[in-house]
Amino acid sequence: MQKISTQILKKQATGLFAVLLLSLLFMQQAQARELVFILAGQSNMAGQGTAKELAPAYRKAPKNVKFYYNGYIVPLTHFRHFGPEIGFAHEISRHYPGDTIKLIKFAVGGTTMFAWDPNWNAAKARSTRNASAGPLFKKLIKTAKISMKSKNEKLMAILWMQGEADAKYPAAAKQYAGNLSRFVNKLRAELKSPNVPFIMGTVNPPQKFFPATAIVQQAQKIAARSIRNLRLVRTNDLPKRNDHLHYNTQGQLELGKRFAQAFLRTPIALK
């Protein structure tokens, strides 16, 4: 009789352990999140880092990272050249190892804020030779929404590397502050994330060819003071290619890390 009771107790304990294990697995799955980061801008966001120069540790994406480029999911190191996404992915994934990190990238080189204006105007875009790019704000929103379909997703931040092209045109540079403010506010509204951090790299192109650089830099500083949850990322010491305009492989890796570190310092960042 005692032997039978012991067997029953063992079966009950095994059953209880199985229930607890399933409960823990369910809780773990329920707590898993998809954390979304949008990367946008012009050529230094598109990137001219060289993939074949990457150290082995960076040639393979972290297991919890998904990378979407122009609406299509691709391997993180799929292209010959890269922007800040690789350094960012490795840095941010270490802080959220239990979550899926989704990076959505849309970047077009040589574009001013006139090309990204929510109220796109062909004449203004033409004044900075951007008319052929079309209304990039609409394309960005479309790209983001195509890639954001899961109910478990949370938009964590928008990473923005742009402004060099505006520094080429004094008339555009003088309107940069207002154009940027309108862009940020409208983008947050369209994505239904009014407080999402907007993290922006400062511009530092060669002033010989970009005479309005100081105006754009000042506008970025003003934006950091006047637009809520906007953070600036220092770039003036990052190594560049021979054109003195585009960040090289190490420069892009470091830029991505700095974007991640700036985000992690924001009060809104998840713990």
C-alpha atoms as a PDB file:
ATOM      1  CA  MET A   1       0.000   0.000   0.000  1.00  0.00           C
ATOM      2  CA  GLN A   2       2.825   2.361   0.912  1.00  0.00           C
ATOM      3  CA  LYS A   3       4.612   1.465  -2.344  1.00  0.00           C
ATOM      4  CA  ILE A   4       1.502   2.351  -4.362  1.00  0.00           C
ATOM      5  CA  SER A   5       1.126   5.682  -2.495  1.00  0.00           C
ATOM      6  CA  THR A   6       4.771   6.515  -3.228  1.00  0.00           C
ATOM      7  CA  GLN A   7       4.251   5.812  -6.909  1.00  0.00           C
ATOM      8  CA  ILE A   8       1.163   8.042  -6.949  1.00  0.00           C
ATOM      9  CA  LEU A   9       3.057  10.841  -5.244  1.00  0.00           C
ATOM     10  CA  LYS A  10       5.888  10.530  -7.786  1.00  0.00           C
ATOM     11  CA  LYS A  11       3.416  10.735 -10.658  1.00  0.00           C
ATOM     12  CA  GLN A  12       1.768  13.782  -9.096  1.00  0.00           C
ATOM     13  CA  ALA A  13       5.127  15.459  -8.563  1.00  0.00           C
ATOM     14  CA  THR A  14       6.134  14.733 -12.169  1.00  0.00           C
ATOM     15  CA  GLY A  15       2.852  16.159 -13.391  1.00  0.00           C
ATOM     16  CA  LEU A  16       3.222  19.256 -11.229  1.00  0.00           C
ATOM     17  CA  PHE A  17       6.797  19.777 -12.490  1.00  0.00           C
ATOM     18  CA  ALA A  18       5.591  19.533 -16.095  1.00  0.00           C
ATOM     19  CA  VAL A  19       2.860  22.114 -15.426  1.00  0.00           C
ATOM     20  CA  LEU A  20       5.355  24.462 -13.789  1.00  0.00           C
ATOM     21  CA  LEU A  21       7.805  24.039 -16.673  1.00  0.00           C
ATOM     22  CA  LEU A  22       5.110  24.805 -19.248  1.00  0.00           C
ATOM     23  CA  SER A  23       4.020  27.822 -17.216  1.00  0.00           C
ATOM     24  CA  LEU A  24       7.571  29.156 -17.099  1.00  0.00           C
ATOM     25  CA  LEU A  25       7.990  28.652 -20.843  1.00  0.00           C
ATOM     26  CA  PHE A  26       4.701  30.420 -21.489  1.00  0.00           C
ATOM     27  CA  MET A  27       5.687  33.324 -19.257  1.00  0.00           C
ATOM     28  CA  GLN A  28       9.055  33.603 -20.998  1.00  0.00           C
ATOM     29  CA  GLN A  29       7.375  33.700 -24.412  1.00  0.00           C
ATOM     30  CA  ALA A  30       4.824  36.235 -23.191  1.00  0.00           C
ATOM     31  CA  GLN A  31       7.587  38.503 -21.906  1.00  0.00           C
ATOM     32  CA  ALA A  32       9.606  38.345 -25.148  1.00  0.00           C
ATOM     33  CA  ARG A  33       9.318  41.593 -27.100  1.00  0.00           C
ATOM     34  CA  GLU A  34      10.107  42.839 -30.574  1.00  0.00           C
ATOM     35  CA  LEU A  35      11.993  46.087 -30.168  1.00  0.00           C
ATOM     36  CA  VAL A  36      11.958  48.200 -33.327  1.00  0.00           C
ATOM     37  CA  PHE A  37      14.515  50.810 -34.361  1.00  0.00           C
ATOM     38  CA  ILE A  38      14.157  52.880 -37.525  1.00  0.00           C
ATOM     39  CA  LEU A  39      17.367  54.037 -39.225  1.00  0.00           C
ATOM     40  CA  ALA A  40      17.019  56.784 -41.820  1.00  0.00           C
ATOM     41  CA  GLY A  41      18.861  59.639 -43.486  1.00  0.00           C
ATOM     42  CA  GLN A  42      21.299  60.186 -46.325  1.00  0.00           C
ATOM     43  CA  SER A  43      24.669  58.725 -47.390  1.00  0.00           C
ATOM     44  CA  ASN A  44      26.270  58.363 -43.959  1.00  0.00           C
ATOM     45  CA  MET A  45      23.219  56.359 -42.910  1.00  0.00           C
ATOM     46  CA  ALA A  46      23.282  54.331 -46.126  1.00  0.00           C
ATOM     47  CA  GLY A  47      26.959  53.899 -45.298  1.00  0.00           C
ATOM     48  CA  GLN A  48      30.297  53.354 -46.964  1.00  0.00           C
ATOM     49  CA  GLY A  49      31.819  51.040 -44.407  1.00  0.00           C
ATOM     50  CA  THR A  50      33.397  48.078 -46.235  1.00  0.00           C
ATOM     51  CA  ALA A  51      32.035  44.672 -45.229  1.00  0.00           C
ATOM     52  CA  LYS A  52      35.164  42.733 -46.181  1.00  0.00           C
ATOM     53  CA  GLU A  53      37.142  44.832 -43.686  1.00  0.00           C
ATOM     54  CA  LEU A  54      35.000  43.725 -40.752  1.00  0.00           C
ATOM     55  CA  ALA A  55      36.580  41.729 -37.959  1.00  0.00           C
ATOM     56  CA  PRO A  56      35.187  38.155 -37.669  1.00  0.00           C
ATOM     57  CA  ALA A  57      33.068  39.108 -34.649  1.00  0.00           C
ATOM     58  CA  TYR A  58      31.070  41.546 -36.782  1.00  0.00           C
ATOM     59  CA  ARG A  59      30.618  39.351 -39.844  1.00  0.00           C
ATOM     60  CA  LYS A  60      27.797  37.429 -38.227  1.00  0.00           C
ATOM     61  CA  ALA A  61      24.663  39.112 -36.875  1.00  0.00           C
ATOM     62  CA  PRO A  62      23.551  38.594 -33.275  1.00  0.00           C
ATOM     63  CA  LYS A  63      20.948  35.803 -33.170  1.00  0.00           C
ATOM     64  CA  ASN A  64      18.188  38.079 -31.904  1.00  0.00           C
ATOM     65  CA  VAL A  65      18.554  40.729 -34.654  1.00  0.00           C
ATOM     66  CA  LYS A  66      16.391  41.070 -37.763  1.00  0.00           C
ATOM     67  CA  PHE A  67      17.402  43.579 -40.435  1.00  0.00           C
ATOM     68  CA  TYR A  68      14.981  45.135 -42.922  1.00  0.00           C
ATOM     69  CA  TYR A  69      16.336  47.227 -45.792  1.00  0.00           C
ATOM     70  CA  ASN A  70      13.864  49.167 -47.952  1.00  0.00           C
ATOM     71  CA  GLY A  71      11.071  46.860 -46.795  1.00  0.00           C
ATOM     72  CA  TYR A  72      12.851  43.526 -47.340  1.00  0.00           C
ATOM     73  CA  ILE A  73      14.418  41.322 -44.699  1.00  0.00           C
ATOM     74  CA  VAL A  74      18.073  40.638 -45.497  1.00  0.00           C
ATOM     75  CA  PRO A  75      21.144  39.439 -43.571  1.00  0.00           C
ATOM     76  CA  LEU A  76      22.754  42.218 -41.556  1.00  0.00           C
ATOM     77  CA  THR A  77      26.005  41.908 -43.542  1.00  0.00           C
ATOM     78  CA  HIS A  78      24.319  41.264 -46.888  1.00  0.00           C
ATOM     79  CA  PHE A  79      25.750  44.255 -48.757  1.00  0.00           C
ATOM     80  CA  ARG A  80      29.311  45.223 -49.726  1.00  0.00           C
ATOM     81  CA  HIS A  81      28.929  48.479 -47.802  1.00  0.00           C
ATOM     82  CA  PHE A  82      27.167  49.223 -44.535  1.00  0.00           C
ATOM     83  CA  GLY A  83      26.125  52.074 -42.277  1.00  0.00           C
ATOM     84  CA  PRO A  84      25.755  52.288 -38.485  1.00  0.00           C
ATOM     85  CA  GLU A  85      23.421  49.276 -38.298  1.00  0.00           C
ATOM     86  CA  ILE A  86      26.133  46.669 -37.601  1.00  0.00           C
ATOM     87  CA  GLY A  87      27.764  48.460 -34.678  1.00  0.00           C
ATOM     88  CA  PHE A  88      24.319  49.391 -33.351  1.00  0.00           C
ATOM     89  CA  ALA A  89      22.969  45.832 -33.626  1.00  0.00           C
ATOM     90  CA  HIS A  90      25.861  44.272 -31.695  1.00  0.00           C
ATOM     91  CA  GLU A  91      25.775  46.937 -28.990  1.00  0.00           C
ATOM     92  CA  ILE A  92      22.016  46.990 -28.457  1.00  0.00           C
ATOM     93  CA  SER A  93      21.508  43.210 -28.615  1.00  0.00           C
ATOM     94  CA  ARG A  94      23.774  42.734 -25.602  1.00  0.00           C
ATOM     95  CA  HIS A  95      21.414  44.866 -23.528  1.00  0.00           C
ATOM     96  CA  TYR A  96      18.266  43.056 -24.685  1.00  0.00           C
ATOM     97  CA  PRO A  97      19.359  39.421 -25.140  1.00  0.00           C
ATOM     98  CA  GLY A  98      15.875  38.043 -24.452  1.00  0.00           C
ATOM     99  CA  ASP A  99      14.124  40.219 -27.022  1.00  0.00           C
ATOM    100  CA  THR A 100      14.042  40.362 -30.805  1.00  0.00           C
ATOM    101  CA  ILE A 101      15.750  43.460 -32.181  1.00  0.00           C
ATOM    102  CA  LYS A 102      14.239  44.648 -35.462  1.00  0.00           C
ATOM    103  CA  LEU A 103      16.165  47.240 -37.466  1.00  0.00           C
ATOM    104  CA  ILE A 104      14.295  48.995 -40.289  1.00  0.00           C
ATOM    105  CA  LYS A 105      16.523  51.021 -42.589  1.00  0.00           C
ATOM    106  CA  PHE A 106      15.654  53.493 -45.342  1.00  0.00           C
ATOM    107  CA  ALA A 107      18.328  55.915 -46.539  1.00  0.00           C
ATOM    108  CA  VAL A 108      18.924  57.944 -49.704  1.00  0.00           C
ATOM    109  CA  GLY A 109      22.262  59.638 -50.335  1.00  0.00           C
ATOM    110  CA  GLY A 110      22.648  63.323 -51.132  1.00  0.00           C
ATOM    111  CA  THR A 111      19.201  64.348 -49.888  1.00  0.00           C
ATOM    112  CA  THR A 112      18.269  67.545 -48.032  1.00  0.00           C
ATOM    113  CA  MET A 113      15.355  68.119 -45.679  1.00  0.00           C
ATOM    114  CA  PHE A 114      13.426  69.423 -48.698  1.00  0.00           C
ATOM    115  CA  ALA A 115      13.408  65.834 -49.996  1.00  0.00           C
ATOM    116  CA  TRP A 116      12.226  64.516 -46.605  1.00  0.00           C
ATOM    117  CA  ASP A 117       9.621  67.224 -45.980  1.00  0.00           C
ATOM    118  CA  PRO A 118       6.178  65.803 -45.031  1.00  0.00           C
ATOM    119  CA  ASN A 119       4.755  68.665 -47.132  1.00  0.00           C
ATOM    120  CA  TRP A 120       6.931  67.814 -50.110  1.00  0.00           C
ATOM    121  CA  ASN A 121       7.301  70.573 -52.668  1.00  0.00           C
ATOM    122  CA  ALA A 122       8.824  69.759 -56.053  1.00  0.00           C
ATOM    123  CA  ALA A 123      10.224  73.267 -56.573  1.00  0.00           C
ATOM    124  CA  LYS A 124      12.026  73.250 -53.217  1.00  0.00           C
ATOM    125  CA  ALA A 125      13.353  69.753 -53.815  1.00  0.00           C
ATOM    126  CA  ARG A 126      14.567  70.853 -57.222  1.00  0.00           C
ATOM    127  CA  SER A 127      16.483  73.739 -55.655  1.00  0.00           C
ATOM    128  CA  THR A 128      18.777  71.197 -53.973  1.00  0.00           C
ATOM    129  CA  ARG A 129      18.736  68.742 -56.900  1.00  0.00           C
ATOM    130  CA  ASN A 130      16.481  66.300 -55.060  1.00  0.00           C
ATOM    131  CA  ALA A 131      13.327  66.368 -57.162  1.00  0.00           C
ATOM    132  CA  SER A 132      14.068  62.962 -58.714  1.00  0.00           C
ATOM    133  CA  ALA A 133      14.133  61.326 -55.259  1.00  0.00           C
ATOM    134  CA  GLY A 134      10.433  62.068 -54.848  1.00  0.00           C
ATOM    135  CA  PRO A 135       8.655  62.552 -51.502  1.00  0.00           C
ATOM    136  CA  LEU A 136      10.890  60.559 -49.176  1.00  0.00           C
ATOM    137  CA  PHE A 137       8.750  61.073 -46.077  1.00  0.00           C
ATOM    138  CA  LYS A 138       5.917  59.054 -47.634  1.00  0.00           C
ATOM    139  CA  LYS A 139       8.369  56.373 -48.727  1.00  0.00           C
ATOM    140  CA  LEU A 140       9.828  56.167 -45.224  1.00  0.00           C
ATOM    141  CA  ILE A 141       6.412  55.752 -43.621  1.00  0.00           C
ATOM    142  CA  LYS A 142       5.424  53.115 -46.166  1.00  0.00           C
ATOM    143  CA  THR A 143       8.682  51.218 -45.625  1.00  0.00           C
ATOM    144  CA  ALA A 144       8.288  51.325 -41.844  1.00  0.00           C
ATOM    145  CA  LYS A 145       4.680  50.138 -41.898  1.00  0.00           C
ATOM    146  CA  ILE A 146       5.439  47.300 -44.328  1.00  0.00           C
ATOM    147  CA  SER A 147       8.078  46.026 -41.921  1.00  0.00           C
ATOM    148  CA  MET A 148       6.065  46.566 -38.715  1.00  0.00           C
ATOM    149  CA  LYS A 149       3.269  44.004 -38.551  1.00  0.00           C
ATOM    150  CA  SER A 150       3.601  42.123 -35.262  1.00  0.00           C
ATOM    151  CA  LYS A 151       1.357  42.968 -32.298  1.00  0.00           C
ATOM    152  CA  ASN A 152       4.308  42.465 -29.939  1.00  0.00           C
ATOM    153  CA  GLU A 153       6.377  45.218 -31.569  1.00  0.00           C
ATOM    154  CA  LYS A 154       7.378  48.382 -29.784  1.00  0.00           C
ATOM    155  CA  LEU A 155       9.033  51.291 -31.590  1.00  0.00           C
ATOM    156  CA  MET A 156      12.003  52.171 -29.423  1.00  0.00           C
ATOM    157  CA  ALA A 157      13.842  54.924 -31.319  1.00  0.00           C
ATOM    158  CA  ILE A 158      14.437  56.643 -34.639  1.00  0.00           C
ATOM    159  CA  LEU A 159      18.098  57.002 -35.636  1.00  0.00           C
ATOM    160  CA  TRP A 160      18.785  59.878 -38.024  1.00  0.00           C
ATOM    161  CA  MET A 161      22.018  60.675 -39.874  1.00  0.00           C
ATOM    162  CA  GLN A 162      21.386  63.539 -42.301  1.00  0.00           C
ATOM    163  CA  GLY A 163      22.178  67.202 -42.883  1.00  0.00           C
ATOM    164  CA  GLU A 164      25.383  67.200 -44.893  1.00  0.00           C
ATOM    165  CA  ALA A 165      23.466  67.916 -48.101  1.00  0.00           C
ATOM    166  CA  ASP A 166      21.699  70.903 -46.503  1.00  0.00           C
ATOM    167  CA  ALA A 167      25.105  72.278 -45.516  1.00  0.00           C
ATOM    168  CA  LYS A 168      25.894  72.514 -49.228  1.00  0.00           C
ATOM    169  CA  TYR A 169      23.101  75.032 -49.836  1.00  0.00           C
ATOM    170  CA  PRO A 170      22.936  78.134 -47.575  1.00  0.00           C
ATOM    171  CA  ALA A 171      19.249  78.707 -48.381  1.00  0.00           C
ATOM    172  CA  ALA A 172      18.375  75.160 -47.312  1.00  0.00           C
ATOM    173  CA  ALA A 173      20.622  75.350 -44.240  1.00  0.00           C
ATOM    174  CA  LYS A 174      18.784  78.442 -42.982  1.00  0.00           C
ATOM    175  CA  GLN A 175      15.530  76.464 -43.034  1.00  0.00           C
ATOM    176  CA  TYR A 176      16.994  73.322 -41.492  1.00  0.00           C
ATOM    177  CA  ALA A 177      15.792  73.921 -37.935  1.00  0.00           C
ATOM    178  CA  GLY A 178      12.167  74.424 -38.939  1.00  0.00           C
ATOM    179  CA  ASN A 179      12.241  71.623 -41.481  1.00  0.00           C
ATOM    180  CA  LEU A 180      13.714  69.189 -38.965  1.00  0.00           C
ATOM    181  CA  SER A 181      11.164  70.076 -36.283  1.00  0.00           C
ATOM    182  CA  ARG A 182       8.274  69.554 -38.690  1.00  0.00           C
ATOM    183  CA  PHE A 183       9.757  66.261 -39.872  1.00  0.00           C
ATOM    184  CA  VAL A 184      10.228  64.863 -36.350  1.00  0.00           C
ATOM    185  CA  ASN A 185       6.757  65.860 -35.159  1.00  0.00           C
ATOM    186  CA  LYS A 186       5.008  64.484 -38.235  1.00  0.00           C
ATOM    187  CA  LEU A 187       7.027  61.266 -38.213  1.00  0.00           C
ATOM    188  CA  ARG A 188       6.163  60.590 -34.580  1.00  0.00           C
ATOM    189  CA  ALA A 189       2.505  61.317 -35.284  1.00  0.00           C
ATOM    190  CA  GLU A 190       2.374  58.998 -38.305  1.00  0.00           C
ATOM    191  CA  LEU A 191       3.992  56.194 -36.310  1.00  0.00           C
ATOM    192  CA  LYS A 192       1.707  56.858 -33.321  1.00  0.00           C
ATOM    193  CA  SER A 193       4.717  57.267 -31.038  1.00  0.00           C
ATOM    194  CA  PRO A 194       4.686  60.884 -29.816  1.00  0.00           C
ATOM    195  CA  ASN A 195       7.523  60.415 -27.314  1.00  0.00           C
ATOM    196  CA  VAL A 196       9.783  58.011 -29.182  1.00  0.00           C
ATOM    197  CA  PRO A 197      13.449  59.066 -28.897  1.00  0.00           C
ATOM    198  CA  PHE A 198      14.893  60.722 -31.991  1.00  0.00           C
ATOM    199  CA  ILE A 199      18.654  60.238 -32.017  1.00  0.00           C
ATOM    200  CA  MET A 200      20.613  62.298 -34.526  1.00  0.00           C
ATOM    201  CA  GLY A 201      24.239  62.257 -35.561  1.00  0.00           C
ATOM    202  CA  THR A 202      25.877  65.678 -35.827  1.00  0.00           C
ATOM    203  CA  VAL A 203      27.194  66.631 -39.257  1.00  0.00           C
ATOM    204  CA  ASN A 204      30.795  67.600 -39.984  1.00  0.00           C
ATOM    205  CA  PRO A 205      31.440  67.609 -43.747  1.00  0.00           C
ATOM    206  CA  PRO A 206      34.455  69.476 -45.187  1.00  0.00           C
ATOM    207  CA  GLN A 207      33.501  73.151 -45.073  1.00  0.00           C
ATOM    208  CA  LYS A 208      35.350  73.884 -48.310  1.00  0.00           C
ATOM    209  CA  PHE A 209      32.552  72.144 -50.219  1.00  0.00           C
ATOM    210  CA  PHE A 210      29.803  72.561 -47.620  1.00  0.00           C
ATOM    211  CA  PRO A 211      29.864  76.284 -46.778  1.00  0.00           C
ATOM    212  CA  ALA A 212      26.750  76.258 -44.562  1.00  0.00           C
ATOM    213  CA  THR A 213      27.980  73.543 -42.199  1.00  0.00           C
ATOM    214  CA  ALA A 214      28.004  75.830 -39.157  1.00  0.00           C
ATOM    215  CA  ILE A 215      24.375  76.823 -39.780  1.00  0.00           C
ATOM    216  CA  VAL A 216      23.222  73.200 -39.864  1.00  0.00           C
ATOM    217  CA  GLN A 217      25.291  72.339 -36.791  1.00  0.00           C
ATOM    218  CA  GLN A 218      23.707  75.217 -34.887  1.00  0.00           C
ATOM    219  CA  ALA A 219      20.257  74.086 -36.023  1.00  0.00           C
ATOM    220  CA  GLN A 220      20.959  70.604 -34.674  1.00  0.00           C
ATOM    221  CA  LYS A 221      21.960  72.058 -31.305  1.00  0.00           C
ATOM    222  CA  ILE A 222      18.760  74.105 -31.230  1.00  0.00           C
ATOM    223  CA  ALA A 223      16.768  70.956 -32.024  1.00  0.00           C
ATOM    224  CA  ALA A 224      18.379  69.116 -29.112  1.00  0.00           C
ATOM    225  CA  ARG A 225      17.192  71.870 -26.762  1.00  0.00           C
ATOM    226  CA  SER A 226      13.734  72.432 -28.217  1.00  0.00           C
ATOM    227  CA  ILE A 227      12.456  69.030 -29.429  1.00  0.00           C
ATOM    228  CA  ARG A 228      11.543  66.597 -26.665  1.00  0.00           C
ATOM    229  CA  ASN A 229      13.491  63.336 -26.478  1.00  0.00           C
ATOM    230  CA  LEU A 230      15.938  64.385 -29.173  1.00  0.00           C
ATOM    231  CA  ARG A 231      19.554  63.391 -28.565  1.00  0.00           C
ATOM    232  CA  LEU A 232      22.695  64.381 -30.463  1.00  0.00           C
ATOM    233  CA  VAL A 233      25.513  61.931 -31.176  1.00  0.00           C
ATOM    234  CA  ARG A 234      29.053  63.285 -31.440  1.00  0.00           C
ATOM    235  CA  THR A 235      30.765  62.420 -34.737  1.00  0.00           C
ATOM    236  CA  ASN A 236      33.586  64.929 -35.197  1.00  0.00           C
ATOM    237  CA  ASP A 237      36.289  62.438 -34.168  1.00  0.00           C
ATOM    238  CA  LEU A 238      35.108  59.482 -36.254  1.00  0.00           C
ATOM    239  CA  PRO A 239      37.517  58.294 -38.975  1.00  0.00           C
ATOM    240  CA  LYS A 240      36.475  58.893 -42.582  1.00  0.00           C
ATOM    241  CA  ARG A 241      37.295  57.759 -46.073  1.00  0.00           C
ATOM    242  CA  ASN A 242      39.619  59.776 -48.312  1.00  0.00           C
ATOM    243  CA  ASP A 243      36.751  62.058 -49.351  1.00  0.00           C
ATOM    244  CA  HIS A 244      36.657  63.448 -45.761  1.00  0.00           C
ATOM    245  CA  LEU A 245      32.868  63.186 -45.941  1.00  0.00           C
ATOM    246  CA  HIS A 246      31.857  59.548 -45.425  1.00  0.00           C
ATOM    247  CA  TYR A 247      32.766  57.472 -42.380  1.00  0.00           C
ATOM    248  CA  ASN A 248      34.953  54.451 -43.071  1.00  0.00           C
ATOM    249  CA  THR A 249      34.544  50.946 -41.664  1.00  0.00           C
ATOM    250  CA  GLN A 250      35.714  51.793 -38.147  1.00  0.00           C
ATOM    251  CA  GLY A 251      33.878  55.104 -38.227  1.00  0.00           C
ATOM    252  CA  GLN A 252      30.584  53.416 -39.056  1.00  0.00           C
ATOM    253  CA  LEU A 253      31.014  50.756 -36.393  1.00  0.00           C
ATOM    254  CA  GLU A 254      31.695  53.432 -33.779  1.00  0.00           C
ATOM    255  CA  LEU A 255      28.799  55.574 -35.023  1.00  0.00           C
ATOM    256  CA  GLY A 256      26.448  52.629 -34.520  1.00  0.00           C
ATOM    257  CA  LYS A 257      27.764  52.045 -31.006  1.00  0.00           C
ATOM    258  CA  ARG A 258      27.276  55.714 -30.145  1.00  0.00           C
ATOM    259  CA  PHE A 259      23.695  55.611 -31.403  1.00  0.00           C
ATOM    260  CA  ALA A 260      23.085  52.629 -29.127  1.00  0.00           C
ATOM    261  CA  GLN A 261      24.745  54.275 -26.132  1.00  0.00           C
ATOM    262  CA  ALA A 262      22.739  57.478 -26.663  1.00  0.00           C
ATOM    263  CA  PHE A 263      19.535  55.470 -26.731  1.00  0.00           C
ATOM    264  CA  LEU A 264      20.431  53.499 -23.603  1.00  0.00           C
ATOM    265  CA  ARG A 265      20.968  56.791 -21.736  1.00  0.00           C
ATOM    266  CA  THR A 266      17.440  57.988 -22.515  1.00  0.00           C
ATOM    267  CA  PRO A 267      14.934  57.664 -19.651  1.00  0.00           C
ATOM    268  CA  ILE A 268      12.451  55.952 -21.977  1.00  0.00           C
ATOM    269  CA  ALA A 269      14.797  52.998 -22.689  1.00  0.00           C
ATOM    270  CA  LEU A 270      13.453  49.690 -21.391  1.00  0.00           C
ATOM    271  CA  LYS A 271      15.328  47.970 -18.583  1.00  0.00           C
END
